[in-house]
Amino acid sequence: MNKSYTLIEVLVAVSIFTIIIAAPTGFLVGSLKGQQKVLASQKLLDNTSYTLEYMSRALRMAKKELSTELAAACLLDNSNILYGHNYQITQGGNGLRFISYEEECQEFFLENGTLKESKDGAINSLTSDDLEVISFKIGPDDSWDQNDNDQPRVTLFLEIKGGKGQMEETRPLIKIQTTVSQRNLDVQY
């Protein structure tokens, strides 16, 4: 009596073994991809939260400029001084300039997919290189002067994608909007 296995029995055993090993491996690979996406989403949320908090604080503390000298140095529109204004839209609608509570000319703007800040000429990035800002919109600009009784407010809308360099379908996307009003009461003078 010969006690060996036939080719069919060996192929069946290998197939069953492959199925038993492949299923957990597929689950492992899927869970690792899911974990990468969750980590990228968390990083995106953390960075977006920091950026919006920083910008909101600066915008809330901005000064209405009533000094022609400071307004001339910061808030200009086609060579006209925006005396009595709180903010000015710049960069073709992708930037916002104002005078900080420290009386420095400050601007937030979008450049090459990165949110940046210019503060008295020094430019800093507000978002990390791993993120891509798709859209940065600012509005409304109808309550930023002395011609009304409304408290100045700025609405910021951001659309940001995380995970630069990753496959497009695994990159998290966040759309967020916030409105900030000035801390100091805005009254007509």
N, C-alpha and C. Protein backbone atom coordinates (compact mmCIF):
# COMPACT_ATOMS: atom_id res chain seq x y z
N MET A 1 0.81 -1.17 0.00
CA MET A 1 0.00 0.00 0.00
C MET A 1 0.87 1.26 0.00
N ASN A 2 0.59 2.14 -0.94
CA ASN A 2 1.36 3.37 -1.10
C ASN A 2 0.66 4.52 -0.36
N LYS A 3 1.36 5.16 0.59
CA LYS A 3 0.76 6.22 1.42
C LYS A 3 1.23 7.59 0.96
N SER A 4 0.90 8.00 -0.22
CA SER A 4 1.28 9.33 -0.72
C SER A 4 0.02 10.10 -1.10
N TYR A 5 0.21 11.36 -1.33
CA TYR A 5 -0.91 12.23 -1.68
C TYR A 5 -0.94 12.41 -3.19
N THR A 6 -2.14 12.54 -3.68
CA THR A 6 -2.27 12.80 -5.11
C THR A 6 -2.09 14.29 -5.36
N LEU A 7 -1.87 14.62 -6.61
CA LEU A 7 -1.69 16.03 -6.99
C LEU A 7 -2.94 16.84 -6.66
N ILE A 8 -4.08 16.28 -6.84
CA ILE A 8 -5.35 16.99 -6.56
C ILE A 8 -5.47 17.26 -5.06
N GLU A 9 -5.12 16.31 -4.23
CA GLU A 9 -5.18 16.52 -2.78
C GLU A 9 -4.22 17.62 -2.34
N VAL A 10 -3.04 17.67 -2.93
CA VAL A 10 -2.08 18.72 -2.60
C VAL A 10 -2.60 20.09 -3.05
N LEU A 11 -3.16 20.16 -4.25
CA LEU A 11 -3.72 21.44 -4.74
C LEU A 11 -4.88 21.90 -3.88
N VAL A 12 -5.74 21.01 -3.45
CA VAL A 12 -6.86 21.37 -2.58
C VAL A 12 -6.33 21.89 -1.24
N ALA A 13 -5.35 21.23 -0.68
CA ALA A 13 -4.78 21.67 0.61
C ALA A 13 -4.12 23.04 0.48
N VAL A 14 -3.37 23.26 -0.57
CA VAL A 14 -2.73 24.58 -0.80
C VAL A 14 -3.78 25.65 -1.00
N SER A 15 -4.84 25.37 -1.74
CA SER A 15 -5.92 26.35 -1.97
C SER A 15 -6.60 26.73 -0.66
N ILE A 16 -6.91 25.73 0.17
CA ILE A 16 -7.55 26.01 1.46
C ILE A 16 -6.62 26.83 2.34
N PHE A 17 -5.35 26.47 2.37
CA PHE A 17 -4.37 27.22 3.16
C PHE A 17 -4.28 28.67 2.67
N THR A 18 -4.26 28.88 1.35
CA THR A 18 -4.18 30.23 0.77
C THR A 18 -5.40 31.06 1.15
N ILE A 19 -6.57 30.47 1.09
CA ILE A 19 -7.80 31.19 1.46
C ILE A 19 -7.78 31.57 2.93
N ILE A 20 -7.34 30.65 3.77
CA ILE A 20 -7.29 30.91 5.22
C ILE A 20 -6.30 32.03 5.54
N ILE A 21 -5.18 32.10 4.84
CA ILE A 21 -4.18 33.14 5.08
C ILE A 21 -4.57 34.46 4.41
N ALA A 22 -5.19 34.41 3.23
CA ALA A 22 -5.50 35.63 2.46
C ALA A 22 -6.56 36.49 3.14
N ALA A 23 -7.54 35.86 3.77
CA ALA A 23 -8.61 36.63 4.40
C ALA A 23 -8.09 37.56 5.50
N PRO A 24 -7.34 37.07 6.47
CA PRO A 24 -6.82 37.98 7.50
C PRO A 24 -5.83 39.01 6.94
N THR A 25 -5.07 38.61 5.92
CA THR A 25 -4.14 39.56 5.32
C THR A 25 -4.89 40.71 4.67
N GLY A 26 -5.99 40.40 3.99
CA GLY A 26 -6.83 41.45 3.38
C GLY A 26 -7.40 42.37 4.43
N PHE A 27 -7.85 41.81 5.54
CA PHE A 27 -8.37 42.63 6.64
C PHE A 27 -7.27 43.53 7.20
N LEU A 28 -6.08 42.99 7.35
CA LEU A 28 -4.95 43.76 7.88
C LEU A 28 -4.60 44.92 6.96
N VAL A 29 -4.50 44.66 5.67
CA VAL A 29 -4.18 45.72 4.70
C VAL A 29 -5.28 46.78 4.70
N GLY A 30 -6.54 46.35 4.73
CA GLY A 30 -7.66 47.30 4.77
C GLY A 30 -7.65 48.16 6.02
N SER A 31 -7.34 47.55 7.15
CA SER A 31 -7.32 48.32 8.40
C SER A 31 -6.14 49.29 8.44
N LEU A 32 -5.00 48.90 7.85
CA LEU A 32 -3.86 49.82 7.79
C LEU A 32 -4.17 51.04 6.92
N LYS A 33 -4.85 50.82 5.79
CA LYS A 33 -5.26 51.94 4.93
C LYS A 33 -6.25 52.83 5.66
N GLY A 34 -7.18 52.21 6.38
CA GLY A 34 -8.15 52.98 7.16
C GLY A 34 -7.48 53.81 8.23
N GLN A 35 -6.48 53.22 8.88
CA GLN A 35 -5.75 53.95 9.93
C GLN A 35 -4.98 55.13 9.33
N GLN A 36 -4.38 54.96 8.15
CA GLN A 36 -3.68 56.07 7.50
C GLN A 36 -4.64 57.21 7.20
N LYS A 37 -5.85 56.88 6.73
CA LYS A 37 -6.83 57.91 6.41
C LYS A 37 -7.29 58.64 7.68
N VAL A 38 -7.50 57.88 8.76
CA VAL A 38 -7.91 58.50 10.02
C VAL A 38 -6.82 59.42 10.55
N LEU A 39 -5.56 58.98 10.48
CA LEU A 39 -4.46 59.83 10.94
C LEU A 39 -4.32 61.09 10.09
N ALA A 40 -4.50 60.96 8.77
CA ALA A 40 -4.45 62.13 7.89
C ALA A 40 -5.60 63.08 8.20
N SER A 41 -6.79 62.53 8.48
CA SER A 41 -7.95 63.37 8.84
C SER A 41 -7.70 64.09 10.15
N GLN A 42 -7.12 63.41 11.12
CA GLN A 42 -6.83 64.04 12.42
C GLN A 42 -5.81 65.17 12.26
N LYS A 43 -4.79 64.93 11.46
CA LYS A 43 -3.79 65.96 11.22
C LYS A 43 -4.43 67.16 10.52
N LEU A 44 -5.30 66.90 9.56
CA LEU A 44 -6.00 67.97 8.86
C LEU A 44 -6.86 68.79 9.83
N LEU A 45 -7.62 68.11 10.68
CA LEU A 45 -8.46 68.80 11.66
C LEU A 45 -7.64 69.61 12.65
N ASP A 46 -6.56 69.04 13.14
CA ASP A 46 -5.70 69.75 14.10
C ASP A 46 -5.13 71.02 13.48
N ASN A 47 -4.59 70.91 12.27
CA ASN A 47 -3.97 72.06 11.62
C ASN A 47 -5.02 73.11 11.26
N THR A 48 -6.18 72.68 10.77
CA THR A 48 -7.25 73.62 10.42
C THR A 48 -7.76 74.34 11.66
N SER A 49 -7.92 73.60 12.74
CA SER A 49 -8.38 74.20 14.00
C SER A 49 -7.40 75.25 14.49
N TYR A 50 -6.12 74.92 14.49
CA TYR A 50 -5.10 75.89 14.91
C TYR A 50 -5.12 77.14 14.02
N THR A 51 -5.17 76.93 12.72
CA THR A 51 -5.13 78.05 11.78
C THR A 51 -6.34 78.97 11.97
N LEU A 52 -7.52 78.38 12.07
CA LEU A 52 -8.72 79.21 12.24
C LEU A 52 -8.73 79.93 13.58
N GLU A 53 -8.27 79.27 14.63
CA GLU A 53 -8.21 79.92 15.94
C GLU A 53 -7.24 81.10 15.92
N TYR A 54 -6.08 80.92 15.30
CA TYR A 54 -5.09 81.99 15.20
C TYR A 54 -5.65 83.17 14.41
N MET A 55 -6.26 82.87 13.26
CA MET A 55 -6.81 83.94 12.43
C MET A 55 -7.98 84.64 13.12
N SER A 56 -8.84 83.87 13.77
CA SER A 56 -10.00 84.45 14.46
C SER A 56 -9.57 85.39 15.57
N ARG A 57 -8.56 84.99 16.32
CA ARG A 57 -8.08 85.84 17.42
C ARG A 57 -7.54 87.16 16.87
N ALA A 58 -6.76 87.08 15.81
CA ALA A 58 -6.19 88.30 15.23
C ALA A 58 -7.28 89.19 14.65
N LEU A 59 -8.26 88.62 13.97
CA LEU A 59 -9.34 89.42 13.37
C LEU A 59 -10.25 90.02 14.43
N ARG A 60 -10.47 89.29 15.51
CA ARG A 60 -11.31 89.78 16.60
C ARG A 60 -10.66 90.99 17.28
N MET A 61 -9.34 91.00 17.34
CA MET A 61 -8.61 92.07 18.02
C MET A 61 -8.20 93.22 17.08
N ALA A 62 -8.54 93.12 15.80
CA ALA A 62 -8.14 94.15 14.83
C ALA A 62 -8.69 95.51 15.23
N LYS A 63 -7.96 96.55 14.83
CA LYS A 63 -8.35 97.93 15.18
C LYS A 63 -8.97 98.62 13.98
N LYS A 64 -9.98 99.41 14.26
CA LYS A 64 -10.49 100.32 13.24
C LYS A 64 -9.48 101.45 13.18
N GLU A 65 -9.01 101.71 12.00
CA GLU A 65 -7.96 102.71 11.91
C GLU A 65 -8.55 104.09 11.68
N LEU A 66 -8.34 104.93 12.66
CA LEU A 66 -8.83 106.31 12.59
C LEU A 66 -7.68 107.29 12.43
N SER A 67 -6.48 106.79 12.33
CA SER A 67 -5.30 107.61 12.10
C SER A 67 -4.95 107.53 10.62
N THR A 68 -4.97 108.66 9.95
CA THR A 68 -4.69 108.68 8.52
C THR A 68 -3.30 108.13 8.23
N GLU A 69 -2.35 108.33 9.11
CA GLU A 69 -0.98 107.88 8.90
C GLU A 69 -0.90 106.35 8.86
N LEU A 70 -1.52 105.67 9.86
CA LEU A 70 -1.50 104.21 9.88
C LEU A 70 -2.34 103.63 8.74
N ALA A 71 -3.49 104.24 8.47
CA ALA A 71 -4.32 103.76 7.38
C ALA A 71 -3.58 103.87 6.05
N ALA A 72 -2.85 104.96 5.86
CA ALA A 72 -2.10 105.16 4.61
C ALA A 72 -1.01 104.11 4.48
N ALA A 73 -0.46 103.64 5.57
CA ALA A 73 0.62 102.65 5.52
C ALA A 73 0.08 101.24 5.30
N CYS A 74 -1.21 101.01 5.57
CA CYS A 74 -1.73 99.64 5.52
C CYS A 74 -2.97 99.49 4.64
N LEU A 75 -3.99 100.29 4.89
CA LEU A 75 -5.27 100.11 4.22
C LEU A 75 -5.41 101.07 3.05
N LEU A 76 -4.97 100.64 1.90
CA LEU A 76 -5.05 101.44 0.68
C LEU A 76 -5.87 100.71 -0.37
N ASP A 77 -6.66 101.45 -1.12
CA ASP A 77 -7.44 100.89 -2.21
C ASP A 77 -7.31 101.81 -3.41
N ASN A 78 -6.53 101.39 -4.40
CA ASN A 78 -6.27 102.21 -5.58
C ASN A 78 -5.80 103.61 -5.19
N SER A 79 -4.84 103.66 -4.32
CA SER A 79 -4.23 104.90 -3.82
C SER A 79 -5.16 105.72 -2.96
N ASN A 80 -6.35 105.23 -2.63
CA ASN A 80 -7.25 105.92 -1.71
C ASN A 80 -7.08 105.30 -0.33
N ILE A 81 -6.91 106.15 0.65
CA ILE A 81 -6.77 105.66 2.03
C ILE A 81 -8.13 105.23 2.53
N LEU A 82 -8.22 104.04 3.08
CA LEU A 82 -9.47 103.52 3.62
C LEU A 82 -9.58 103.94 5.09
N TYR A 83 -9.65 105.22 5.32
CA TYR A 83 -9.75 105.78 6.66
C TYR A 83 -11.06 105.33 7.30
N GLY A 84 -10.98 104.82 8.53
CA GLY A 84 -12.17 104.39 9.26
C GLY A 84 -12.61 102.97 8.94
N HIS A 85 -11.85 102.26 8.15
CA HIS A 85 -12.19 100.87 7.83
C HIS A 85 -11.53 99.92 8.83
N ASN A 86 -12.10 98.74 8.92
CA ASN A 86 -11.55 97.71 9.78
C ASN A 86 -10.67 96.73 9.01
N TYR A 87 -11.11 96.38 7.81
CA TYR A 87 -10.44 95.35 7.01
C TYR A 87 -10.43 95.77 5.55
N GLN A 88 -9.56 95.09 4.79
CA GLN A 88 -9.52 95.32 3.35
C GLN A 88 -9.25 93.99 2.66
N ILE A 89 -10.08 93.66 1.67
CA ILE A 89 -9.86 92.46 0.87
C ILE A 89 -8.72 92.73 -0.10
N THR A 90 -7.78 91.78 -0.19
CA THR A 90 -6.60 91.92 -1.04
C THR A 90 -6.41 90.66 -1.88
N GLN A 91 -5.35 90.63 -2.63
CA GLN A 91 -4.94 89.45 -3.40
C GLN A 91 -6.06 88.94 -4.31
N GLY A 92 -6.81 89.87 -4.91
CA GLY A 92 -7.89 89.46 -5.81
C GLY A 92 -8.98 88.67 -5.12
N GLY A 93 -9.24 88.94 -3.86
CA GLY A 93 -10.28 88.24 -3.10
C GLY A 93 -9.75 87.09 -2.27
N ASN A 94 -8.45 86.79 -2.35
CA ASN A 94 -7.86 85.70 -1.59
C ASN A 94 -7.03 86.17 -0.41
N GLY A 95 -7.23 87.42 0.02
CA GLY A 95 -6.48 87.94 1.14
C GLY A 95 -7.28 88.95 1.93
N LEU A 96 -6.89 89.17 3.16
CA LEU A 96 -7.55 90.13 4.04
C LEU A 96 -6.49 90.87 4.84
N ARG A 97 -6.48 92.20 4.72
CA ARG A 97 -5.50 93.02 5.42
C ARG A 97 -6.22 93.86 6.47
N PHE A 98 -5.53 94.07 7.59
CA PHE A 98 -6.09 94.84 8.69
C PHE A 98 -4.95 95.33 9.58
N ILE A 99 -5.29 96.18 10.52
CA ILE A 99 -4.30 96.68 11.48
C ILE A 99 -4.53 95.95 12.79
N SER A 100 -3.47 95.28 13.25
CA SER A 100 -3.59 94.46 14.46
C SER A 100 -3.68 95.36 15.70
N TYR A 101 -4.03 94.74 16.81
CA TYR A 101 -4.12 95.49 18.06
C TYR A 101 -2.75 96.04 18.48
N GLU A 102 -1.68 95.47 17.92
CA GLU A 102 -0.33 95.97 18.20
C GLU A 102 0.08 97.07 17.21
N GLU A 103 -0.91 97.51 16.42
CA GLU A 103 -0.72 98.55 15.40
C GLU A 103 0.30 98.15 14.34
N GLU A 104 0.23 96.89 13.94
CA GLU A 104 1.05 96.38 12.85
C GLU A 104 0.11 96.05 11.68
N CYS A 105 0.59 96.26 10.47
CA CYS A 105 -0.17 95.89 9.30
C CYS A 105 -0.07 94.38 9.14
N GLN A 106 -1.22 93.70 9.16
CA GLN A 106 -1.25 92.24 9.12
C GLN A 106 -2.17 91.81 7.97
N GLU A 107 -1.80 90.71 7.32
CA GLU A 107 -2.60 90.21 6.20
C GLU A 107 -2.57 88.68 6.20
N PHE A 108 -3.74 88.09 5.95
CA PHE A 108 -3.86 86.66 5.72
C PHE A 108 -4.18 86.48 4.25
N PHE A 109 -3.49 85.53 3.58
CA PHE A 109 -3.74 85.35 2.15
C PHE A 109 -3.40 83.94 1.71
N LEU A 110 -3.97 83.56 0.58
CA LEU A 110 -3.74 82.25 -0.02
C LEU A 110 -2.72 82.39 -1.13
N GLU A 111 -1.68 81.55 -1.08
CA GLU A 111 -0.65 81.56 -2.11
C GLU A 111 -0.18 80.14 -2.38
N ASN A 112 -0.35 79.69 -3.60
CA ASN A 112 0.09 78.36 -4.03
C ASN A 112 -0.42 77.23 -3.12
N GLY A 113 -1.68 77.29 -2.73
CA GLY A 113 -2.27 76.22 -1.92
C GLY A 113 -1.90 76.26 -0.45
N THR A 114 -1.28 77.36 0.00
CA THR A 114 -0.89 77.50 1.40
C THR A 114 -1.43 78.82 1.94
N LEU A 115 -2.02 78.77 3.15
CA LEU A 115 -2.43 80.00 3.82
C LEU A 115 -1.20 80.64 4.44
N LYS A 116 -1.04 81.93 4.21
CA LYS A 116 0.13 82.63 4.73
C LYS A 116 -0.30 83.89 5.46
N GLU A 117 0.64 84.38 6.27
CA GLU A 117 0.42 85.61 7.03
C GLU A 117 1.59 86.55 6.74
N SER A 118 1.24 87.79 6.50
CA SER A 118 2.25 88.83 6.39
C SER A 118 2.01 89.79 7.54
N LYS A 119 3.04 89.97 8.35
CA LYS A 119 2.92 90.86 9.50
C LYS A 119 4.11 91.80 9.47
N ASP A 120 3.84 93.04 9.15
CA ASP A 120 4.87 94.07 8.98
C ASP A 120 6.00 93.59 8.06
N GLY A 121 5.61 92.94 6.96
CA GLY A 121 6.57 92.53 5.94
C GLY A 121 7.11 91.13 6.08
N ALA A 122 7.02 90.52 7.26
CA ALA A 122 7.52 89.15 7.45
C ALA A 122 6.41 88.17 7.06
N ILE A 123 6.72 87.22 6.19
CA ILE A 123 5.72 86.26 5.71
C ILE A 123 5.96 84.89 6.34
N ASN A 124 4.89 84.33 6.92
CA ASN A 124 4.92 83.01 7.55
C ASN A 124 3.80 82.15 7.00
N SER A 125 4.03 80.85 6.90
CA SER A 125 2.98 79.92 6.50
C SER A 125 2.13 79.57 7.72
N LEU A 126 0.82 79.53 7.52
CA LEU A 126 -0.09 79.15 8.60
C LEU A 126 -0.51 77.69 8.50
N THR A 127 -0.40 77.11 7.31
CA THR A 127 -0.74 75.70 7.13
C THR A 127 0.53 74.93 6.79
N SER A 128 0.54 73.65 7.15
CA SER A 128 1.73 72.84 6.91
C SER A 128 1.86 72.49 5.43
N ASP A 129 3.04 72.05 5.05
CA ASP A 129 3.30 71.68 3.66
C ASP A 129 2.52 70.43 3.25
N ASP A 130 2.04 69.66 4.22
CA ASP A 130 1.30 68.44 3.96
C ASP A 130 -0.15 68.72 3.55
N LEU A 131 -0.61 69.95 3.74
CA LEU A 131 -1.99 70.31 3.43
C LEU A 131 -2.05 71.18 2.18
N GLU A 132 -3.18 71.11 1.50
CA GLU A 132 -3.41 71.94 0.32
C GLU A 132 -4.72 72.70 0.51
N VAL A 133 -4.63 74.03 0.56
CA VAL A 133 -5.82 74.85 0.68
C VAL A 133 -6.40 75.01 -0.72
N ILE A 134 -7.58 74.46 -0.92
CA ILE A 134 -8.25 74.50 -2.22
C ILE A 134 -8.92 75.87 -2.41
N SER A 135 -9.54 76.38 -1.34
CA SER A 135 -10.30 77.62 -1.45
C SER A 135 -10.22 78.40 -0.14
N PHE A 136 -10.06 79.71 -0.26
CA PHE A 136 -10.08 80.63 0.89
C PHE A 136 -10.89 81.84 0.47
N LYS A 137 -12.09 81.96 1.03
CA LYS A 137 -12.99 83.06 0.67
C LYS A 137 -13.28 83.91 1.90
N ILE A 138 -13.48 85.19 1.66
CA ILE A 138 -13.69 86.15 2.74
C ILE A 138 -14.92 87.00 2.41
N GLY A 139 -15.70 87.30 3.42
CA GLY A 139 -16.85 88.17 3.19
C GLY A 139 -17.52 88.46 4.51
N PRO A 140 -18.56 89.15 4.57
CA PRO A 140 -18.96 90.18 3.62
C PRO A 140 -18.21 91.47 3.91
N ASP A 141 -17.97 92.29 2.92
CA ASP A 141 -17.21 93.52 3.17
C ASP A 141 -18.11 94.75 3.29
N ASP A 142 -19.41 94.54 3.51
CA ASP A 142 -20.32 95.68 3.59
C ASP A 142 -20.48 96.24 5.00
N SER A 143 -19.77 95.72 6.00
CA SER A 143 -19.91 96.26 7.36
C SER A 143 -18.56 96.65 7.95
N TRP A 144 -17.62 97.02 7.09
CA TRP A 144 -16.27 97.29 7.58
C TRP A 144 -15.94 98.77 7.66
N ASP A 145 -16.90 99.62 7.49
CA ASP A 145 -16.61 101.05 7.52
C ASP A 145 -17.55 101.77 8.48
N GLN A 146 -17.49 103.06 8.48
CA GLN A 146 -18.29 103.87 9.41
C GLN A 146 -19.66 104.25 8.84
N ASN A 147 -20.03 103.72 7.71
CA ASN A 147 -21.28 104.12 7.07
C ASN A 147 -22.48 103.30 7.54
N ASP A 148 -22.34 102.54 8.60
CA ASP A 148 -23.47 101.78 9.12
C ASP A 148 -23.34 101.65 10.64
N ASN A 149 -24.32 101.03 11.25
CA ASN A 149 -24.29 100.81 12.69
C ASN A 149 -24.02 99.35 13.04
N ASP A 150 -23.54 98.57 12.06
CA ASP A 150 -23.29 97.15 12.28
C ASP A 150 -21.91 96.92 12.87
N GLN A 151 -21.83 95.92 13.71
CA GLN A 151 -20.54 95.50 14.24
C GLN A 151 -19.75 94.84 13.11
N PRO A 152 -18.49 95.23 12.89
CA PRO A 152 -17.71 94.60 11.82
C PRO A 152 -17.58 93.10 12.05
N ARG A 153 -17.76 92.35 10.99
CA ARG A 153 -17.62 90.90 11.07
C ARG A 153 -16.98 90.39 9.78
N VAL A 154 -16.29 89.30 9.92
CA VAL A 154 -15.62 88.67 8.78
C VAL A 154 -16.04 87.20 8.77
N THR A 155 -16.47 86.72 7.62
CA THR A 155 -16.77 85.31 7.46
C THR A 155 -15.65 84.69 6.64
N LEU A 156 -15.05 83.64 7.18
CA LEU A 156 -13.97 82.93 6.50
C LEU A 156 -14.49 81.57 6.07
N PHE A 157 -14.24 81.20 4.83
CA PHE A 157 -14.60 79.88 4.32
C PHE A 157 -13.32 79.23 3.82
N LEU A 158 -13.03 78.04 4.35
CA LEU A 158 -11.84 77.28 3.96
C LEU A 158 -12.23 75.92 3.43
N GLU A 159 -11.57 75.52 2.37
CA GLU A 159 -11.69 74.16 1.85
C GLU A 159 -10.26 73.64 1.76
N ILE A 160 -9.95 72.62 2.57
CA ILE A 160 -8.57 72.14 2.70
C ILE A 160 -8.53 70.63 2.51
N LYS A 161 -7.53 70.17 1.77
CA LYS A 161 -7.27 68.74 1.59
C LYS A 161 -5.99 68.37 2.32
N GLY A 162 -6.01 67.25 2.98
CA GLY A 162 -4.83 66.77 3.68
C GLY A 162 -4.09 65.73 2.86
N GLY A 163 -2.94 65.32 3.38
CA GLY A 163 -2.20 64.21 2.80
C GLY A 163 -1.63 64.45 1.42
N LYS A 164 -0.97 65.59 1.22
CA LYS A 164 -0.31 65.81 -0.07
C LYS A 164 0.63 64.65 -0.36
N GLY A 165 0.62 64.17 -1.58
CA GLY A 165 1.49 63.07 -1.95
C GLY A 165 0.82 61.70 -1.82
N GLN A 166 -0.33 61.64 -1.16
CA GLN A 166 -1.06 60.38 -1.05
C GLN A 166 -1.96 60.21 -2.27
N MET A 167 -2.50 59.01 -2.42
CA MET A 167 -3.45 58.78 -3.50
C MET A 167 -4.66 59.69 -3.28
N GLU A 168 -5.21 60.22 -4.37
CA GLU A 168 -6.29 61.21 -4.30
C GLU A 168 -7.50 60.71 -3.51
N GLU A 169 -7.86 59.44 -3.66
CA GLU A 169 -9.05 58.92 -2.98
C GLU A 169 -8.86 58.75 -1.48
N THR A 170 -7.64 58.76 -1.00
CA THR A 170 -7.40 58.63 0.44
C THR A 170 -7.15 59.97 1.12
N ARG A 171 -7.11 61.05 0.35
CA ARG A 171 -6.86 62.37 0.94
C ARG A 171 -8.14 62.92 1.57
N PRO A 172 -8.12 63.23 2.86
CA PRO A 172 -9.31 63.79 3.50
C PRO A 172 -9.54 65.23 3.08
N LEU A 173 -10.79 65.64 3.06
CA LEU A 173 -11.18 67.00 2.67
C LEU A 173 -12.07 67.58 3.76
N ILE A 174 -11.85 68.83 4.09
CA ILE A 174 -12.70 69.51 5.06
C ILE A 174 -13.12 70.86 4.49
N LYS A 175 -14.39 71.18 4.68
CA LYS A 175 -14.92 72.49 4.32
C LYS A 175 -15.43 73.09 5.62
N ILE A 176 -14.95 74.28 5.94
CA ILE A 176 -15.33 74.88 7.21
C ILE A 176 -15.54 76.38 7.02
N GLN A 177 -16.53 76.90 7.74
CA GLN A 177 -16.85 78.32 7.68
C GLN A 177 -17.02 78.83 9.09
N THR A 178 -16.51 80.02 9.34
CA THR A 178 -16.69 80.65 10.64
C THR A 178 -16.83 82.15 10.44
N THR A 179 -17.56 82.77 11.34
CA THR A 179 -17.73 84.22 11.31
C THR A 179 -17.17 84.79 12.59
N VAL A 180 -16.37 85.85 12.44
CA VAL A 180 -15.71 86.49 13.56
C VAL A 180 -16.14 87.95 13.60
N SER A 181 -16.55 88.41 14.77
CA SER A 181 -16.86 89.84 14.91
C SER A 181 -15.81 90.49 15.80
N GLN A 182 -15.65 91.78 15.59
CA GLN A 182 -14.63 92.49 16.37
C GLN A 182 -15.01 92.57 17.83
N ARG A 183 -14.02 92.52 18.66
CA ARG A 183 -14.23 92.57 20.10
C ARG A 183 -14.67 93.96 20.56
N ASN A 184 -14.03 94.99 20.04
CA ASN A 184 -14.36 96.36 20.43
C ASN A 184 -15.64 96.81 19.73
N LEU A 185 -16.46 97.52 20.47
CA LEU A 185 -17.72 98.01 19.94
C LEU A 185 -17.44 99.01 18.81
N ASP A 186 -18.14 98.85 17.71
CA ASP A 186 -17.97 99.73 16.55
C ASP A 186 -19.13 100.73 16.53
N VAL A 187 -18.83 101.96 16.85
CA VAL A 187 -19.86 103.00 16.86
C VAL A 187 -19.43 104.11 15.90
N GLN A 188 -20.43 104.83 15.41
CA GLN A 188 -20.11 105.93 14.51
C GLN A 188 -19.50 107.08 15.30
N TYR A 189 -18.50 107.73 14.69
CA TYR A 189 -17.81 108.83 15.35
C TYR A 189 -18.22 110.14 14.73
